[in-house]
Every structure is written in structure tokens, then in C-alpha cells.
Amino acid sequence: AAHAVPDPDLAERHGLAGRFNIMFGGNMGEAQGLESVIEAAALLRETPSAQFVLVGDGVALGRLKGLAESKGLDNVKFLGRMPHGDMPGLYSLADALLVHLRDEPLFRITIPHKLLAYFGAGRPVLAAVAGDAAAIVEELGAGIVCPPGDPASLAASVRRLMALPVDQRKALGERGRRAARTRYSRQALVREIAEVLALAGDGRMGAR
């Protein structure tokens, strides 16, 4: 899984230097419910170093920017769409990587692809999701989980992460990276799919 060394020039260029960066990377659509992130940023005004960094675009981007402007927030950065190859370098500058999905039945059984990319980056995951994705983060001890669509919980989770000693935050990221290398490596996933298909095949054979 891709893992990059933090580049101070890149941090400086994007306004990430000297801040506690909670980064979201990917599509900003209706499913992500990122309005909660803007509301959480408003609640974190008193926590000067914290900022949300949103990388990517999507149908909700204009609305999110408008919301951040109307609240006069200077702790939300929109970096726009970045080439896929730039993402590991950006993720390495994050203090936490955010996954956020609205609480809907389908999303409770959805494991967002970006979760595996986040684990690979070796950074703590802040998972504002319900269901399976939250359970994985908790089970691995790879980050902090909070309910989606709940700005107060999200803000509190950011404060909790910031209050953790650096080595504890590092340990969260390392556990995610270990899982990306072993349990969620391409080989492991291919093997798992093969086993599921083999079992399905056996079931059919038995039924004949």
C-alpha cells in the first residue's frame, strides 16, 4: 500500500504546515454528507490549530464551499481535485484521515475503498460512519469512530485525537498500515474471493 514521506514544501504550499490536519480525500457527493464536517469546523473555531482539508470534487463541492464562506470559516481548506499519484504525499501530511458516509442502510454494509487507502497511508482514521466500516476501524484499533451526521461528535473526536500523545496516534496509524499489508493486501482479498466462489460452487454441486 502506498506510503509517502511527508514533504515540508508541499505542506507549506497547501497551507498545512503547523496545523492539525483532518483530511478527506475523494468524491464529495450527497452520500458523503459533508455538511456535518463544515458544522464541526464551526464548533472547532476555539481549537486554532485544527483544520479540515477536503481534497477532491463532486456535486456537493459548491454548496460546501458556500456553507464554509457563509460561516466565515478559515479552518476548512478545499484543495480541489488532485492527480491520483499525488494522494499518498498529501495523506502523509494528514494527522488524521476522515471517512464520512451518511447513515443509510446501504452504507452500513459498505466498506469504502478509500478506507483501505487510508490504512495504507499509516495515519489514524477518523471514521464518521455506521456499521461494517466503523466496526473494522474499531476492531483494528486504527482510529476513532463517531456517528455520521453528528457535528458535535465529530468535533469532540477531533479534540480527542489531538489530546492523544503523539506515539499513541502513531500506533493507531501503524495498526491500520499493518492491516493494509496483511489482511487487506491484494493477495489476501483475491484469496478470500476465491474461497467464497469455491464455497458457492460446492453448495451448488451438493444441491444437484
N, C-alpha and C. Protein backbone atom coordinates (compact mmCIF):
# COMPACT_ATOMS: atom_id res chain seq x y z
N ALA A 1 0.86 -1.20 0.00
CA ALA A 1 0.00 0.00 0.00
C ALA A 1 0.89 1.24 0.00
N ALA A 2 0.42 2.27 -0.69
CA ALA A 2 1.24 3.47 -0.88
C ALA A 2 1.45 4.20 0.43
N HIS A 3 2.68 4.58 0.65
CA HIS A 3 3.03 5.31 1.86
C HIS A 3 4.14 6.28 1.48
N ALA A 4 3.99 7.54 1.81
CA ALA A 4 4.97 8.55 1.39
C ALA A 4 5.58 9.24 2.60
N VAL A 5 6.74 9.80 2.39
CA VAL A 5 7.41 10.57 3.44
C VAL A 5 6.89 12.01 3.36
N PRO A 6 6.50 12.61 4.50
CA PRO A 6 5.94 13.97 4.47
C PRO A 6 6.92 14.98 3.86
N ASP A 7 6.42 15.81 2.96
CA ASP A 7 7.24 16.80 2.27
C ASP A 7 6.88 18.19 2.81
N PRO A 8 7.82 18.83 3.55
CA PRO A 8 7.51 20.13 4.18
C PRO A 8 7.13 21.22 3.16
N ASP A 9 7.73 21.16 1.96
CA ASP A 9 7.39 22.17 0.94
C ASP A 9 5.94 22.04 0.50
N LEU A 10 5.51 20.79 0.34
CA LEU A 10 4.12 20.52 -0.05
C LEU A 10 3.17 21.02 1.03
N ALA A 11 3.53 20.77 2.29
CA ALA A 11 2.71 21.21 3.43
C ALA A 11 2.57 22.73 3.42
N GLU A 12 3.69 23.40 3.18
CA GLU A 12 3.73 24.86 3.15
C GLU A 12 2.84 25.38 2.01
N ARG A 13 3.00 24.76 0.85
CA ARG A 13 2.29 25.21 -0.35
C ARG A 13 0.77 25.13 -0.18
N HIS A 14 0.29 24.10 0.51
CA HIS A 14 -1.16 23.91 0.65
C HIS A 14 -1.71 24.46 1.97
N GLY A 15 -0.86 25.16 2.74
CA GLY A 15 -1.33 25.74 3.99
C GLY A 15 -1.58 24.71 5.08
N LEU A 16 -0.80 23.62 5.05
CA LEU A 16 -0.99 22.55 6.04
C LEU A 16 0.06 22.58 7.15
N ALA A 17 1.12 23.38 6.93
CA ALA A 17 2.23 23.41 7.90
C ALA A 17 1.76 23.97 9.24
N GLY A 18 2.17 23.31 10.32
CA GLY A 18 1.87 23.81 11.66
C GLY A 18 0.41 23.68 12.07
N ARG A 19 -0.36 22.90 11.32
CA ARG A 19 -1.77 22.69 11.69
C ARG A 19 -2.00 21.21 12.00
N PHE A 20 -3.10 20.95 12.69
CA PHE A 20 -3.55 19.57 12.90
C PHE A 20 -4.56 19.31 11.78
N ASN A 21 -4.15 18.54 10.78
CA ASN A 21 -4.94 18.39 9.55
C ASN A 21 -5.80 17.14 9.54
N ILE A 22 -7.12 17.34 9.46
CA ILE A 22 -8.04 16.21 9.31
C ILE A 22 -8.42 16.22 7.84
N MET A 23 -7.94 15.22 7.10
CA MET A 23 -8.07 15.23 5.65
C MET A 23 -9.09 14.23 5.14
N PHE A 24 -9.90 14.71 4.20
CA PHE A 24 -10.85 13.85 3.48
C PHE A 24 -10.40 13.83 2.03
N GLY A 25 -10.30 12.65 1.43
CA GLY A 25 -9.93 12.58 0.02
C GLY A 25 -10.97 11.80 -0.75
N GLY A 26 -11.49 12.37 -1.83
CA GLY A 26 -12.42 11.60 -2.66
C GLY A 26 -13.62 12.39 -3.12
N ASN A 27 -14.64 11.66 -3.53
CA ASN A 27 -15.84 12.27 -4.09
C ASN A 27 -16.63 13.00 -3.01
N MET A 28 -17.08 14.21 -3.34
CA MET A 28 -17.93 14.97 -2.42
C MET A 28 -19.32 15.03 -3.02
N GLY A 29 -20.08 13.99 -2.72
CA GLY A 29 -21.44 13.90 -3.25
C GLY A 29 -22.45 13.93 -2.13
N GLU A 30 -23.68 13.53 -2.45
CA GLU A 30 -24.73 13.50 -1.42
C GLU A 30 -24.46 12.41 -0.39
N ALA A 31 -23.90 11.29 -0.85
CA ALA A 31 -23.71 10.14 0.05
C ALA A 31 -22.78 10.47 1.21
N GLN A 32 -21.83 11.39 0.97
CA GLN A 32 -20.81 11.67 1.99
C GLN A 32 -21.33 12.55 3.14
N GLY A 33 -22.38 13.30 2.90
CA GLY A 33 -22.95 14.12 3.98
C GLY A 33 -21.95 15.05 4.63
N LEU A 34 -21.12 15.72 3.80
CA LEU A 34 -20.01 16.51 4.36
C LEU A 34 -20.42 17.84 4.99
N GLU A 35 -21.70 18.19 4.89
CA GLU A 35 -22.17 19.40 5.61
C GLU A 35 -21.81 19.30 7.09
N SER A 36 -21.89 18.09 7.63
CA SER A 36 -21.55 17.88 9.05
C SER A 36 -20.12 18.30 9.35
N VAL A 37 -19.24 18.13 8.36
CA VAL A 37 -17.83 18.50 8.55
C VAL A 37 -17.70 20.01 8.68
N ILE A 38 -18.47 20.74 7.84
CA ILE A 38 -18.43 22.21 7.91
C ILE A 38 -18.98 22.67 9.27
N GLU A 39 -20.07 22.03 9.72
CA GLU A 39 -20.65 22.37 11.03
C GLU A 39 -19.65 22.06 12.15
N ALA A 40 -18.94 20.93 12.02
CA ALA A 40 -17.94 20.57 13.04
C ALA A 40 -16.80 21.59 13.05
N ALA A 41 -16.42 22.06 11.86
CA ALA A 41 -15.36 23.07 11.78
C ALA A 41 -15.77 24.34 12.53
N ALA A 42 -17.05 24.70 12.42
CA ALA A 42 -17.55 25.88 13.13
C ALA A 42 -17.41 25.68 14.65
N LEU A 43 -17.65 24.44 15.10
CA LEU A 43 -17.55 24.14 16.54
C LEU A 43 -16.09 24.10 17.00
N LEU A 44 -15.16 23.96 16.05
CA LEU A 44 -13.74 23.85 16.40
C LEU A 44 -13.00 25.18 16.26
N ARG A 45 -13.76 26.27 16.08
CA ARG A 45 -13.12 27.59 15.96
C ARG A 45 -12.21 27.90 17.14
N GLU A 46 -12.59 27.40 18.32
CA GLU A 46 -11.80 27.69 19.54
C GLU A 46 -10.56 26.80 19.63
N THR A 47 -10.40 25.91 18.67
CA THR A 47 -9.25 25.00 18.67
C THR A 47 -8.39 25.40 17.48
N PRO A 48 -7.57 26.45 17.65
CA PRO A 48 -7.00 27.14 16.50
C PRO A 48 -6.19 26.26 15.54
N SER A 49 -5.47 25.23 16.04
CA SER A 49 -4.61 24.52 15.09
C SER A 49 -5.37 23.51 14.22
N ALA A 50 -6.58 23.13 14.64
CA ALA A 50 -7.33 22.11 13.89
C ALA A 50 -7.89 22.67 12.58
N GLN A 51 -7.70 21.91 11.49
CA GLN A 51 -8.38 22.31 10.26
C GLN A 51 -8.77 21.07 9.45
N PHE A 52 -9.88 21.18 8.75
CA PHE A 52 -10.32 20.13 7.83
C PHE A 52 -9.78 20.46 6.44
N VAL A 53 -9.25 19.45 5.79
CA VAL A 53 -8.70 19.61 4.45
C VAL A 53 -9.45 18.66 3.52
N LEU A 54 -10.21 19.24 2.59
CA LEU A 54 -11.04 18.42 1.70
C LEU A 54 -10.41 18.39 0.31
N VAL A 55 -10.04 17.19 -0.13
CA VAL A 55 -9.38 17.01 -1.42
C VAL A 55 -10.32 16.25 -2.34
N GLY A 56 -10.58 16.82 -3.54
CA GLY A 56 -11.47 16.16 -4.48
C GLY A 56 -12.56 17.11 -4.91
N ASP A 57 -13.49 16.59 -5.69
CA ASP A 57 -14.65 17.42 -6.05
C ASP A 57 -15.88 16.54 -6.14
N GLY A 58 -16.98 17.11 -6.58
CA GLY A 58 -18.23 16.36 -6.64
C GLY A 58 -19.39 17.32 -6.59
N VAL A 59 -20.60 16.79 -6.69
CA VAL A 59 -21.79 17.66 -6.81
C VAL A 59 -22.00 18.55 -5.60
N ALA A 60 -21.48 18.14 -4.43
CA ALA A 60 -21.74 18.92 -3.21
C ALA A 60 -20.68 20.02 -2.98
N LEU A 61 -19.62 20.03 -3.80
CA LEU A 61 -18.49 20.93 -3.51
C LEU A 61 -18.89 22.40 -3.43
N GLY A 62 -19.65 22.87 -4.42
CA GLY A 62 -20.05 24.28 -4.43
C GLY A 62 -20.84 24.65 -3.18
N ARG A 63 -21.76 23.78 -2.80
CA ARG A 63 -22.59 24.03 -1.63
C ARG A 63 -21.74 24.06 -0.35
N LEU A 64 -20.78 23.13 -0.27
CA LEU A 64 -19.91 23.05 0.91
C LEU A 64 -19.06 24.31 1.03
N LYS A 65 -18.52 24.76 -0.10
CA LYS A 65 -17.71 25.99 -0.10
C LYS A 65 -18.56 27.18 0.34
N GLY A 66 -19.79 27.24 -0.17
CA GLY A 66 -20.70 28.33 0.19
C GLY A 66 -21.00 28.34 1.67
N LEU A 67 -21.21 27.14 2.21
CA LEU A 67 -21.53 26.99 3.64
C LEU A 67 -20.34 27.45 4.49
N ALA A 68 -19.14 27.05 4.09
CA ALA A 68 -17.94 27.44 4.85
C ALA A 68 -17.75 28.96 4.79
N GLU A 69 -18.03 29.55 3.61
CA GLU A 69 -17.88 31.00 3.46
C GLU A 69 -18.92 31.75 4.29
N SER A 70 -20.16 31.24 4.26
CA SER A 70 -21.22 31.94 4.98
C SER A 70 -20.96 31.93 6.49
N LYS A 71 -20.24 30.93 6.96
CA LYS A 71 -19.90 30.86 8.38
C LYS A 71 -18.56 31.54 8.68
N GLY A 72 -17.92 32.06 7.63
CA GLY A 72 -16.64 32.75 7.81
C GLY A 72 -15.55 31.85 8.36
N LEU A 73 -15.52 30.60 7.91
CA LEU A 73 -14.56 29.64 8.47
C LEU A 73 -13.21 29.73 7.78
N ASP A 74 -12.14 29.79 8.56
CA ASP A 74 -10.81 29.74 7.95
C ASP A 74 -10.11 28.43 8.32
N ASN A 75 -10.88 27.48 8.87
CA ASN A 75 -10.29 26.19 9.23
C ASN A 75 -10.82 25.05 8.36
N VAL A 76 -11.29 25.41 7.16
CA VAL A 76 -11.66 24.39 6.16
C VAL A 76 -10.93 24.76 4.88
N LYS A 77 -10.13 23.83 4.37
CA LYS A 77 -9.40 24.07 3.11
C LYS A 77 -9.96 23.15 2.04
N PHE A 78 -10.22 23.70 0.86
CA PHE A 78 -10.65 22.90 -0.29
C PHE A 78 -9.49 22.89 -1.28
N LEU A 79 -8.88 21.74 -1.46
CA LEU A 79 -7.72 21.69 -2.35
C LEU A 79 -8.10 21.32 -3.78
N GLY A 80 -9.39 21.00 -4.01
CA GLY A 80 -9.79 20.62 -5.36
C GLY A 80 -9.32 19.22 -5.71
N ARG A 81 -9.48 18.90 -6.98
CA ARG A 81 -9.12 17.55 -7.43
C ARG A 81 -7.62 17.45 -7.63
N MET A 82 -7.03 16.36 -7.16
CA MET A 82 -5.59 16.15 -7.31
C MET A 82 -5.36 14.86 -8.10
N PRO A 83 -4.24 14.80 -8.85
CA PRO A 83 -3.93 13.55 -9.55
C PRO A 83 -3.80 12.41 -8.53
N HIS A 84 -4.25 11.24 -8.95
CA HIS A 84 -4.25 10.06 -8.08
C HIS A 84 -2.86 9.83 -7.46
N GLY A 85 -1.83 10.04 -8.25
CA GLY A 85 -0.46 9.80 -7.78
C GLY A 85 -0.01 10.77 -6.69
N ASP A 86 -0.72 11.91 -6.54
CA ASP A 86 -0.35 12.89 -5.51
C ASP A 86 -0.94 12.56 -4.14
N MET A 87 -1.92 11.64 -4.13
CA MET A 87 -2.65 11.41 -2.88
C MET A 87 -1.77 10.86 -1.74
N PRO A 88 -0.90 9.87 -1.99
CA PRO A 88 -0.08 9.39 -0.87
C PRO A 88 0.74 10.51 -0.22
N GLY A 89 1.28 11.42 -1.03
CA GLY A 89 2.04 12.55 -0.49
C GLY A 89 1.18 13.46 0.36
N LEU A 90 -0.06 13.68 -0.08
CA LEU A 90 -0.98 14.51 0.71
C LEU A 90 -1.40 13.80 1.98
N TYR A 91 -1.75 12.50 1.86
CA TYR A 91 -2.16 11.74 3.04
C TYR A 91 -1.06 11.75 4.11
N SER A 92 0.20 11.77 3.67
CA SER A 92 1.30 11.72 4.64
C SER A 92 1.35 13.01 5.47
N LEU A 93 0.70 14.07 4.99
CA LEU A 93 0.69 15.35 5.72
C LEU A 93 -0.52 15.45 6.65
N ALA A 94 -1.38 14.43 6.62
CA ALA A 94 -2.58 14.46 7.47
C ALA A 94 -2.26 13.94 8.86
N ASP A 95 -2.89 14.53 9.86
CA ASP A 95 -2.79 13.98 11.21
C ASP A 95 -3.86 12.93 11.43
N ALA A 96 -4.94 13.04 10.66
CA ALA A 96 -5.99 12.02 10.67
C ALA A 96 -6.66 12.04 9.30
N LEU A 97 -7.13 10.88 8.86
CA LEU A 97 -7.82 10.77 7.58
C LEU A 97 -9.29 10.47 7.86
N LEU A 98 -10.15 11.26 7.24
CA LEU A 98 -11.57 11.22 7.55
C LEU A 98 -12.36 10.42 6.52
N VAL A 99 -13.15 9.49 7.02
CA VAL A 99 -14.14 8.83 6.16
C VAL A 99 -15.51 9.22 6.71
N HIS A 100 -16.39 9.68 5.83
CA HIS A 100 -17.69 10.18 6.28
C HIS A 100 -18.76 9.72 5.30
N LEU A 101 -19.71 8.95 5.78
CA LEU A 101 -20.83 8.50 4.95
C LEU A 101 -22.12 8.69 5.72
N ARG A 102 -23.14 9.20 5.03
CA ARG A 102 -24.43 9.37 5.70
C ARG A 102 -24.92 8.03 6.23
N ASP A 103 -25.70 8.09 7.31
CA ASP A 103 -26.20 6.85 7.91
C ASP A 103 -27.42 6.36 7.15
N GLU A 104 -27.19 5.45 6.22
CA GLU A 104 -28.29 4.83 5.47
C GLU A 104 -28.02 3.34 5.45
N PRO A 105 -29.10 2.54 5.36
CA PRO A 105 -28.93 1.07 5.44
C PRO A 105 -27.83 0.54 4.52
N LEU A 106 -27.78 1.02 3.28
CA LEU A 106 -26.77 0.51 2.33
C LEU A 106 -25.36 0.79 2.82
N PHE A 107 -25.15 2.00 3.39
CA PHE A 107 -23.80 2.38 3.80
C PHE A 107 -23.34 1.62 5.04
N ARG A 108 -24.30 1.01 5.75
CA ARG A 108 -23.90 0.24 6.93
C ARG A 108 -23.18 -1.03 6.55
N ILE A 109 -23.40 -1.49 5.30
CA ILE A 109 -22.71 -2.71 4.86
C ILE A 109 -21.68 -2.38 3.78
N THR A 110 -21.35 -1.09 3.65
CA THR A 110 -20.39 -0.64 2.65
C THR A 110 -19.03 -0.45 3.30
N ILE A 111 -18.00 -1.01 2.68
CA ILE A 111 -16.63 -0.72 3.12
C ILE A 111 -16.04 0.20 2.07
N PRO A 112 -15.94 1.50 2.36
CA PRO A 112 -15.44 2.41 1.32
C PRO A 112 -14.02 2.03 0.90
N HIS A 113 -13.78 2.05 -0.41
CA HIS A 113 -12.46 1.71 -0.94
C HIS A 113 -11.39 2.60 -0.30
N LYS A 114 -11.76 3.87 -0.05
CA LYS A 114 -10.76 4.80 0.49
C LYS A 114 -10.26 4.38 1.86
N LEU A 115 -11.06 3.60 2.58
CA LEU A 115 -10.64 3.14 3.91
C LEU A 115 -9.33 2.36 3.80
N LEU A 116 -9.22 1.52 2.76
CA LEU A 116 -8.00 0.72 2.58
C LEU A 116 -6.82 1.62 2.20
N ALA A 117 -7.09 2.64 1.38
CA ALA A 117 -6.04 3.61 1.01
C ALA A 117 -5.57 4.35 2.27
N TYR A 118 -6.53 4.71 3.13
CA TYR A 118 -6.20 5.40 4.37
C TYR A 118 -5.32 4.52 5.26
N PHE A 119 -5.72 3.23 5.40
CA PHE A 119 -4.91 2.32 6.22
C PHE A 119 -3.48 2.26 5.68
N GLY A 120 -3.36 2.18 4.36
CA GLY A 120 -2.06 2.08 3.73
C GLY A 120 -1.18 3.29 4.01
N ALA A 121 -1.81 4.44 4.24
CA ALA A 121 -1.06 5.67 4.49
C ALA A 121 -0.48 5.71 5.91
N GLY A 122 -0.93 4.80 6.76
CA GLY A 122 -0.37 4.73 8.11
C GLY A 122 -0.73 5.92 8.98
N ARG A 123 -1.93 6.47 8.75
CA ARG A 123 -2.40 7.60 9.55
C ARG A 123 -3.65 7.18 10.33
N PRO A 124 -3.89 7.77 11.51
CA PRO A 124 -5.12 7.44 12.24
C PRO A 124 -6.35 7.75 11.37
N VAL A 125 -7.34 6.90 11.45
CA VAL A 125 -8.58 7.11 10.69
C VAL A 125 -9.64 7.67 11.64
N LEU A 126 -10.29 8.72 11.18
CA LEU A 126 -11.45 9.25 11.90
C LEU A 126 -12.65 8.81 11.09
N ALA A 127 -13.40 7.85 11.61
CA ALA A 127 -14.47 7.22 10.85
C ALA A 127 -15.84 7.68 11.34
N ALA A 128 -16.43 8.63 10.61
CA ALA A 128 -17.79 9.07 10.92
C ALA A 128 -18.73 8.26 10.03
N VAL A 129 -18.85 6.99 10.38
CA VAL A 129 -19.67 6.05 9.61
C VAL A 129 -20.34 5.08 10.59
N ALA A 130 -21.40 4.43 10.11
CA ALA A 130 -22.07 3.41 10.93
C ALA A 130 -21.80 2.05 10.31
N GLY A 131 -21.98 1.00 11.08
CA GLY A 131 -21.95 -0.35 10.51
C GLY A 131 -20.57 -0.93 10.32
N ASP A 132 -20.40 -1.67 9.21
CA ASP A 132 -19.22 -2.50 8.99
C ASP A 132 -17.91 -1.71 8.97
N ALA A 133 -17.91 -0.56 8.29
CA ALA A 133 -16.66 0.22 8.19
C ALA A 133 -16.21 0.67 9.57
N ALA A 134 -17.17 1.13 10.39
CA ALA A 134 -16.85 1.55 11.76
C ALA A 134 -16.31 0.37 12.56
N ALA A 135 -16.93 -0.79 12.38
CA ALA A 135 -16.52 -1.99 13.12
C ALA A 135 -15.09 -2.38 12.80
N ILE A 136 -14.70 -2.24 11.52
CA ILE A 136 -13.33 -2.59 11.12
C ILE A 136 -12.33 -1.67 11.79
N VAL A 137 -12.61 -0.36 11.78
CA VAL A 137 -11.68 0.61 12.39
C VAL A 137 -11.54 0.32 13.88
N GLU A 138 -12.66 0.01 14.53
CA GLU A 138 -12.63 -0.28 15.97
C GLU A 138 -11.88 -1.57 16.25
N GLU A 139 -12.19 -2.59 15.46
CA GLU A 139 -11.59 -3.90 15.69
C GLU A 139 -10.07 -3.86 15.50
N LEU A 140 -9.63 -3.09 14.51
CA LEU A 140 -8.19 -2.98 14.26
C LEU A 140 -7.51 -2.04 15.25
N GLY A 141 -8.29 -1.19 15.91
CA GLY A 141 -7.71 -0.16 16.76
C GLY A 141 -6.92 0.83 15.93
N ALA A 142 -7.50 1.19 14.76
CA ALA A 142 -6.77 2.02 13.79
C ALA A 142 -7.23 3.47 13.77
N GLY A 143 -8.10 3.84 14.73
CA GLY A 143 -8.57 5.22 14.72
C GLY A 143 -9.70 5.42 15.70
N ILE A 144 -10.48 6.46 15.43
CA ILE A 144 -11.60 6.84 16.29
C ILE A 144 -12.88 6.81 15.46
N VAL A 145 -13.93 6.27 16.04
CA VAL A 145 -15.21 6.15 15.35
C VAL A 145 -16.22 7.08 16.00
N CYS A 146 -17.02 7.75 15.18
CA CYS A 146 -18.12 8.53 15.74
C CYS A 146 -19.32 8.43 14.80
N PRO A 147 -20.52 8.75 15.30
CA PRO A 147 -21.70 8.60 14.44
C PRO A 147 -21.67 9.60 13.30
N PRO A 148 -22.12 9.18 12.11
CA PRO A 148 -22.16 10.11 10.98
C PRO A 148 -23.24 11.16 11.16
N GLY A 149 -23.07 12.30 10.52
CA GLY A 149 -24.11 13.33 10.56
C GLY A 149 -24.27 13.97 11.92
N ASP A 150 -23.21 13.94 12.72
CA ASP A 150 -23.29 14.47 14.09
C ASP A 150 -22.08 15.40 14.33
N PRO A 151 -22.23 16.69 13.96
CA PRO A 151 -21.10 17.61 14.04
C PRO A 151 -20.46 17.69 15.43
N ALA A 152 -21.28 17.66 16.48
CA ALA A 152 -20.73 17.77 17.84
C ALA A 152 -19.83 16.57 18.15
N SER A 153 -20.25 15.37 17.75
CA SER A 153 -19.43 14.17 17.97
C SER A 153 -18.15 14.22 17.15
N LEU A 154 -18.27 14.73 15.93
CA LEU A 154 -17.09 14.83 15.06
C LEU A 154 -16.08 15.80 15.67
N ALA A 155 -16.55 16.95 16.12
CA ALA A 155 -15.66 17.94 16.73
C ALA A 155 -15.00 17.36 17.99
N ALA A 156 -15.81 16.64 18.79
CA ALA A 156 -15.28 16.03 20.02
C ALA A 156 -14.22 14.97 19.69
N SER A 157 -14.44 14.22 18.60
CA SER A 157 -13.49 13.19 18.20
C SER A 157 -12.17 13.81 17.75
N VAL A 158 -12.26 14.95 17.07
CA VAL A 158 -11.04 15.67 16.65
C VAL A 158 -10.27 16.11 17.89
N ARG A 159 -10.99 16.65 18.87
CA ARG A 159 -10.30 17.08 20.10
C ARG A 159 -9.65 15.90 20.82
N ARG A 160 -10.36 14.77 20.79
CA ARG A 160 -9.84 13.56 21.45
C ARG A 160 -8.55 13.11 20.78
N LEU A 161 -8.55 13.13 19.44
CA LEU A 161 -7.35 12.74 18.69
C LEU A 161 -6.18 13.69 19.00
N MET A 162 -6.50 15.00 19.03
CA MET A 162 -5.46 16.00 19.29
C MET A 162 -4.87 15.84 20.68
N ALA A 163 -5.68 15.35 21.62
CA ALA A 163 -5.23 15.21 23.01
C ALA A 163 -4.37 13.96 23.21
N LEU A 164 -4.42 13.04 22.25
CA LEU A 164 -3.62 11.81 22.39
C LEU A 164 -2.13 12.13 22.25
N PRO A 165 -1.29 11.47 23.05
CA PRO A 165 0.15 11.63 22.84
C PRO A 165 0.53 11.19 21.43
N VAL A 166 1.57 11.81 20.88
CA VAL A 166 1.99 11.53 19.50
C VAL A 166 2.21 10.04 19.26
N ASP A 167 2.85 9.35 20.22
CA ASP A 167 3.13 7.93 19.99
C ASP A 167 1.86 7.09 19.93
N GLN A 168 0.83 7.51 20.66
CA GLN A 168 -0.45 6.77 20.58
C GLN A 168 -1.12 6.99 19.23
N ARG A 169 -1.03 8.22 18.72
CA ARG A 169 -1.59 8.48 17.38
C ARG A 169 -0.84 7.67 16.33
N LYS A 170 0.49 7.62 16.51
CA LYS A 170 1.32 6.86 15.58
C LYS A 170 0.93 5.38 15.60
N ALA A 171 0.65 4.87 16.78
CA ALA A 171 0.28 3.46 16.92
C ALA A 171 -1.04 3.17 16.19
N LEU A 172 -1.98 4.11 16.24
CA LEU A 172 -3.25 3.93 15.51
C LEU A 172 -2.96 3.76 14.02
N GLY A 173 -2.12 4.65 13.50
CA GLY A 173 -1.78 4.60 12.08
C GLY A 173 -1.04 3.32 11.71
N GLU A 174 -0.14 2.89 12.60
CA GLU A 174 0.65 1.67 12.32
C GLU A 174 -0.25 0.45 12.26
N ARG A 175 -1.26 0.40 13.14
CA ARG A 175 -2.15 -0.77 13.13
C ARG A 175 -2.93 -0.83 11.82
N GLY A 176 -3.33 0.35 11.32
CA GLY A 176 -4.01 0.39 10.03
C GLY A 176 -3.09 -0.07 8.92
N ARG A 177 -1.85 0.40 8.96
CA ARG A 177 -0.91 0.04 7.89
C ARG A 177 -0.61 -1.45 7.90
N ARG A 178 -0.50 -2.01 9.10
CA ARG A 178 -0.25 -3.46 9.20
C ARG A 178 -1.40 -4.24 8.57
N ALA A 179 -2.62 -3.79 8.84
CA ALA A 179 -3.80 -4.47 8.27
C ALA A 179 -3.80 -4.35 6.75
N ALA A 180 -3.38 -3.19 6.24
CA ALA A 180 -3.35 -2.98 4.78
C ALA A 180 -2.34 -3.92 4.14
N ARG A 181 -1.24 -4.18 4.87
CA ARG A 181 -0.19 -5.04 4.32
C ARG A 181 -0.55 -6.51 4.37
N THR A 182 -1.35 -6.90 5.39
CA THR A 182 -1.60 -8.32 5.59
C THR A 182 -3.04 -8.66 5.22
N ARG A 183 -3.95 -8.31 6.11
CA ARG A 183 -5.33 -8.71 5.95
C ARG A 183 -6.00 -8.13 4.70
N TYR A 184 -5.65 -6.89 4.34
CA TYR A 184 -6.32 -6.24 3.21
C TYR A 184 -5.40 -6.09 2.00
N SER A 185 -4.32 -6.86 1.97
CA SER A 185 -3.47 -6.80 0.80
C SER A 185 -4.22 -7.39 -0.38
N ARG A 186 -3.80 -7.06 -1.58
CA ARG A 186 -4.48 -7.57 -2.78
C ARG A 186 -4.53 -9.10 -2.77
N GLN A 187 -3.39 -9.72 -2.40
CA GLN A 187 -3.34 -11.19 -2.39
C GLN A 187 -4.39 -11.77 -1.44
N ALA A 188 -4.47 -11.17 -0.24
CA ALA A 188 -5.41 -11.69 0.76
C ALA A 188 -6.84 -11.56 0.26
N LEU A 189 -7.16 -10.43 -0.38
CA LEU A 189 -8.53 -10.21 -0.85
C LEU A 189 -8.87 -11.16 -2.00
N VAL A 190 -7.90 -11.35 -2.90
CA VAL A 190 -8.13 -12.28 -4.03
C VAL A 190 -8.38 -13.68 -3.49
N ARG A 191 -7.57 -14.06 -2.50
CA ARG A 191 -7.71 -15.40 -1.90
C ARG A 191 -9.09 -15.56 -1.27
N GLU A 192 -9.52 -14.52 -0.57
CA GLU A 192 -10.83 -14.56 0.10
C GLU A 192 -11.97 -14.72 -0.91
N ILE A 193 -11.89 -13.95 -2.01
CA ILE A 193 -12.92 -14.03 -3.05
C ILE A 193 -12.93 -15.43 -3.65
N ALA A 194 -11.73 -15.98 -3.90
CA ALA A 194 -11.63 -17.31 -4.48
C ALA A 194 -12.29 -18.35 -3.56
N GLU A 195 -12.07 -18.18 -2.25
CA GLU A 195 -12.67 -19.13 -1.30
C GLU A 195 -14.19 -19.03 -1.30
N VAL A 196 -14.69 -17.80 -1.34
CA VAL A 196 -16.15 -17.60 -1.35
C VAL A 196 -16.75 -18.25 -2.61
N LEU A 197 -16.09 -18.05 -3.76
CA LEU A 197 -16.59 -18.62 -5.01
C LEU A 197 -16.53 -20.15 -4.96
N ALA A 198 -15.46 -20.68 -4.39
CA ALA A 198 -15.33 -22.13 -4.29
C ALA A 198 -16.44 -22.70 -3.42
N LEU A 199 -16.73 -22.03 -2.30
CA LEU A 199 -17.80 -22.50 -1.40
C LEU A 199 -19.15 -22.46 -2.12
N ALA A 200 -19.38 -21.37 -2.86
CA ALA A 200 -20.64 -21.23 -3.61
C ALA A 200 -20.75 -22.38 -4.60
N GLY A 201 -19.63 -22.72 -5.23
CA GLY A 201 -19.61 -23.81 -6.21
C GLY A 201 -19.92 -25.13 -5.54
N ASP A 202 -19.32 -25.39 -4.40
CA ASP A 202 -19.58 -26.63 -3.66
C ASP A 202 -21.03 -26.74 -3.28
N GLY A 203 -21.62 -25.63 -2.88
CA GLY A 203 -23.02 -25.63 -2.48
C GLY A 203 -23.90 -26.08 -3.64
N ARG A 204 -23.60 -25.57 -4.81
CA ARG A 204 -24.41 -25.94 -5.99
C ARG A 204 -24.22 -27.41 -6.32
N MET A 205 -22.97 -27.88 -6.22
CA MET A 205 -22.70 -29.29 -6.53
C MET A 205 -23.54 -30.18 -5.62
N GLY A 206 -23.58 -29.79 -4.33
CA GLY A 206 -24.27 -30.61 -3.34
C GLY A 206 -25.77 -30.64 -3.60
N ALA A 207 -26.27 -29.54 -4.17
CA ALA A 207 -27.72 -29.45 -4.33
C ALA A 207 -28.22 -30.29 -5.50
N ARG A 208 -27.30 -30.67 -6.40
CA ARG A 208 -27.74 -31.43 -7.57
C ARG A 208 -28.13 -32.85 -7.23
